[in-house]
Amino acid sequence: MDLWRKIGVGIVMMVPSFVGGGLLYSWTHSWFVVWGWVIVMAIVAGSIMGGKFPRKKESEYA
């Protein structure tokens, strides 16, 4: 994955991190839960950028 795509994935993954963190804080009023959510989202974003999730080949889309 090229650098610009990794940067884009990182930016896009910030949105559910912020929204989910705010939602979890409004439900639980606990910063520990929010930090847990942020860490989980960072692991998911890192896995996506690192290529840990299998991607379909272009011939499999059609």
N, C-alpha and C. Protein backbone atom coordinates (compact mmCIF):
# COMPACT_ATOMS: atom_id res chain seq x y z
N MET A 1 0.85 -1.16 0.00
CA MET A 1 0.00 0.00 0.00
C MET A 1 0.90 1.23 0.00
N ASP A 2 0.59 2.18 -0.86
CA ASP A 2 1.45 3.35 -0.95
C ASP A 2 1.19 4.31 0.22
N LEU A 3 2.09 5.27 0.37
CA LEU A 3 2.06 6.19 1.52
C LEU A 3 0.78 7.00 1.58
N TRP A 4 0.31 7.51 0.45
CA TRP A 4 -0.88 8.37 0.46
C TRP A 4 -2.13 7.58 0.84
N ARG A 5 -2.19 6.33 0.44
CA ARG A 5 -3.34 5.49 0.82
C ARG A 5 -3.30 5.21 2.32
N LYS A 6 -2.13 4.97 2.88
CA LYS A 6 -2.01 4.75 4.31
C LYS A 6 -2.43 5.99 5.10
N ILE A 7 -2.02 7.15 4.63
CA ILE A 7 -2.42 8.39 5.28
C ILE A 7 -3.94 8.55 5.21
N GLY A 8 -4.53 8.25 4.07
CA GLY A 8 -5.99 8.33 3.93
C GLY A 8 -6.72 7.37 4.84
N VAL A 9 -6.22 6.15 4.96
CA VAL A 9 -6.84 5.17 5.86
C VAL A 9 -6.75 5.67 7.29
N GLY A 10 -5.61 6.24 7.67
CA GLY A 10 -5.46 6.77 9.02
C GLY A 10 -6.43 7.90 9.31
N ILE A 11 -6.62 8.79 8.35
CA ILE A 11 -7.56 9.90 8.53
C ILE A 11 -8.99 9.38 8.62
N VAL A 12 -9.34 8.46 7.75
CA VAL A 12 -10.72 7.92 7.76
C VAL A 12 -11.00 7.15 9.05
N MET A 13 -10.00 6.46 9.59
CA MET A 13 -10.21 5.69 10.82
C MET A 13 -10.31 6.59 12.05
N MET A 14 -9.94 7.86 11.93
CA MET A 14 -10.11 8.78 13.06
C MET A 14 -11.57 9.08 13.33
N VAL A 15 -12.40 9.08 12.30
CA VAL A 15 -13.81 9.44 12.47
C VAL A 15 -14.52 8.47 13.42
N PRO A 16 -14.48 7.14 13.19
CA PRO A 16 -15.14 6.26 14.16
C PRO A 16 -14.48 6.27 15.53
N SER A 17 -13.19 6.61 15.57
CA SER A 17 -12.53 6.71 16.88
C SER A 17 -13.10 7.86 17.69
N PHE A 18 -13.24 9.04 17.07
CA PHE A 18 -13.78 10.19 17.78
C PHE A 18 -15.26 10.00 18.11
N VAL A 19 -16.04 9.57 17.15
CA VAL A 19 -17.48 9.41 17.37
C VAL A 19 -17.74 8.30 18.39
N GLY A 20 -17.08 7.17 18.21
CA GLY A 20 -17.26 6.06 19.16
C GLY A 20 -16.77 6.41 20.55
N GLY A 21 -15.66 7.14 20.65
CA GLY A 21 -15.16 7.56 21.95
C GLY A 21 -16.14 8.49 22.65
N GLY A 22 -16.70 9.43 21.92
CA GLY A 22 -17.69 10.33 22.51
C GLY A 22 -18.95 9.59 22.94
N LEU A 23 -19.38 8.66 22.12
CA LEU A 23 -20.57 7.89 22.46
C LEU A 23 -20.33 7.02 23.69
N LEU A 24 -19.18 6.36 23.74
CA LEU A 24 -18.87 5.53 24.90
C LEU A 24 -18.73 6.36 26.17
N TYR A 25 -18.17 7.57 26.05
CA TYR A 25 -18.04 8.42 27.24
C TYR A 25 -19.41 8.88 27.73
N SER A 26 -20.30 9.18 26.79
CA SER A 26 -21.64 9.62 27.20
C SER A 26 -22.42 8.48 27.87
N TRP A 27 -22.13 7.25 27.49
CA TRP A 27 -22.81 6.11 28.12
C TRP A 27 -22.20 5.74 29.46
N THR A 28 -20.84 5.75 29.55
CA THR A 28 -20.19 5.19 30.72
C THR A 28 -19.54 6.23 31.63
N HIS A 29 -19.23 7.43 31.12
CA HIS A 29 -18.51 8.47 31.87
C HIS A 29 -17.20 7.93 32.43
N SER A 30 -16.53 7.09 31.65
CA SER A 30 -15.26 6.51 32.06
C SER A 30 -14.23 6.72 30.96
N TRP A 31 -13.11 7.33 31.33
CA TRP A 31 -12.05 7.55 30.36
C TRP A 31 -11.32 6.26 30.03
N PHE A 32 -11.35 5.29 30.94
CA PHE A 32 -10.71 4.01 30.65
C PHE A 32 -11.38 3.30 29.48
N VAL A 33 -12.68 3.38 29.41
CA VAL A 33 -13.41 2.77 28.29
C VAL A 33 -13.08 3.48 26.99
N VAL A 34 -12.98 4.80 27.04
CA VAL A 34 -12.66 5.59 25.85
C VAL A 34 -11.25 5.25 25.36
N TRP A 35 -10.29 5.17 26.27
CA TRP A 35 -8.93 4.81 25.88
C TRP A 35 -8.86 3.39 25.32
N GLY A 36 -9.65 2.49 25.88
CA GLY A 36 -9.71 1.14 25.33
C GLY A 36 -10.22 1.15 23.90
N TRP A 37 -11.25 1.95 23.64
CA TRP A 37 -11.80 2.07 22.29
C TRP A 37 -10.75 2.64 21.32
N VAL A 38 -10.04 3.66 21.76
CA VAL A 38 -9.02 4.27 20.91
C VAL A 38 -7.91 3.27 20.59
N ILE A 39 -7.51 2.49 21.57
CA ILE A 39 -6.48 1.48 21.35
C ILE A 39 -6.95 0.41 20.37
N VAL A 40 -8.21 -0.04 20.52
CA VAL A 40 -8.76 -1.03 19.59
C VAL A 40 -8.80 -0.47 18.17
N MET A 41 -9.24 0.77 18.02
CA MET A 41 -9.30 1.38 16.69
C MET A 41 -7.89 1.57 16.11
N ALA A 42 -6.91 1.87 16.95
CA ALA A 42 -5.53 2.00 16.46
C ALA A 42 -5.00 0.66 15.98
N ILE A 43 -5.36 -0.41 16.67
CA ILE A 43 -4.94 -1.75 16.24
C ILE A 43 -5.59 -2.11 14.91
N VAL A 44 -6.88 -1.80 14.77
CA VAL A 44 -7.58 -2.09 13.51
C VAL A 44 -6.98 -1.28 12.37
N ALA A 45 -6.73 0.01 12.60
CA ALA A 45 -6.14 0.86 11.55
C ALA A 45 -4.74 0.36 11.18
N GLY A 46 -3.96 -0.01 12.18
CA GLY A 46 -2.62 -0.55 11.91
C GLY A 46 -2.67 -1.85 11.14
N SER A 47 -3.66 -2.68 11.45
CA SER A 47 -3.81 -3.94 10.72
C SER A 47 -4.20 -3.70 9.26
N ILE A 48 -5.07 -2.74 9.05
CA ILE A 48 -5.46 -2.42 7.68
C ILE A 48 -4.27 -1.88 6.90
N MET A 49 -3.54 -0.96 7.52
CA MET A 49 -2.39 -0.37 6.83
C MET A 49 -1.25 -1.37 6.66
N GLY A 50 -1.14 -2.31 7.56
CA GLY A 50 -0.08 -3.31 7.47
C GLY A 50 -0.42 -4.46 6.55
N GLY A 51 -1.65 -4.52 6.06
CA GLY A 51 -2.04 -5.57 5.13
C GLY A 51 -2.40 -6.88 5.81
N LYS A 52 -2.83 -6.82 7.05
CA LYS A 52 -3.17 -8.05 7.78
C LYS A 52 -4.51 -8.64 7.34
N PHE A 53 -5.41 -7.78 6.83
CA PHE A 53 -6.70 -8.27 6.37
C PHE A 53 -6.58 -8.69 4.91
N PRO A 54 -7.11 -9.86 4.56
CA PRO A 54 -6.98 -10.30 3.16
C PRO A 54 -7.82 -9.43 2.23
N ARG A 55 -7.26 -9.13 1.08
CA ARG A 55 -7.98 -8.34 0.07
C ARG A 55 -8.31 -9.25 -1.09
N LYS A 56 -9.45 -8.99 -1.71
CA LYS A 56 -9.82 -9.74 -2.91
C LYS A 56 -9.02 -9.21 -4.09
N LYS A 57 -8.72 -10.10 -5.01
CA LYS A 57 -8.05 -9.67 -6.23
C LYS A 57 -9.06 -8.97 -7.11
N GLU A 58 -8.58 -8.17 -8.03
CA GLU A 58 -9.48 -7.40 -8.90
C GLU A 58 -10.37 -8.30 -9.73
N SER A 59 -9.91 -9.49 -10.07
CA SER A 59 -10.71 -10.41 -10.89
C SER A 59 -11.87 -11.00 -10.10
N GLU A 60 -11.81 -10.96 -8.76
CA GLU A 60 -12.87 -11.52 -7.94
C GLU A 60 -14.02 -10.55 -7.70
N TYR A 61 -13.86 -9.27 -8.06
CA TYR A 61 -14.91 -8.27 -7.84
C TYR A 61 -16.04 -8.42 -8.85
N ALA A 62 -15.73 -8.82 -10.05
CA ALA A 62 -16.76 -8.89 -11.09
C ALA A 62 -17.49 -10.21 -11.07
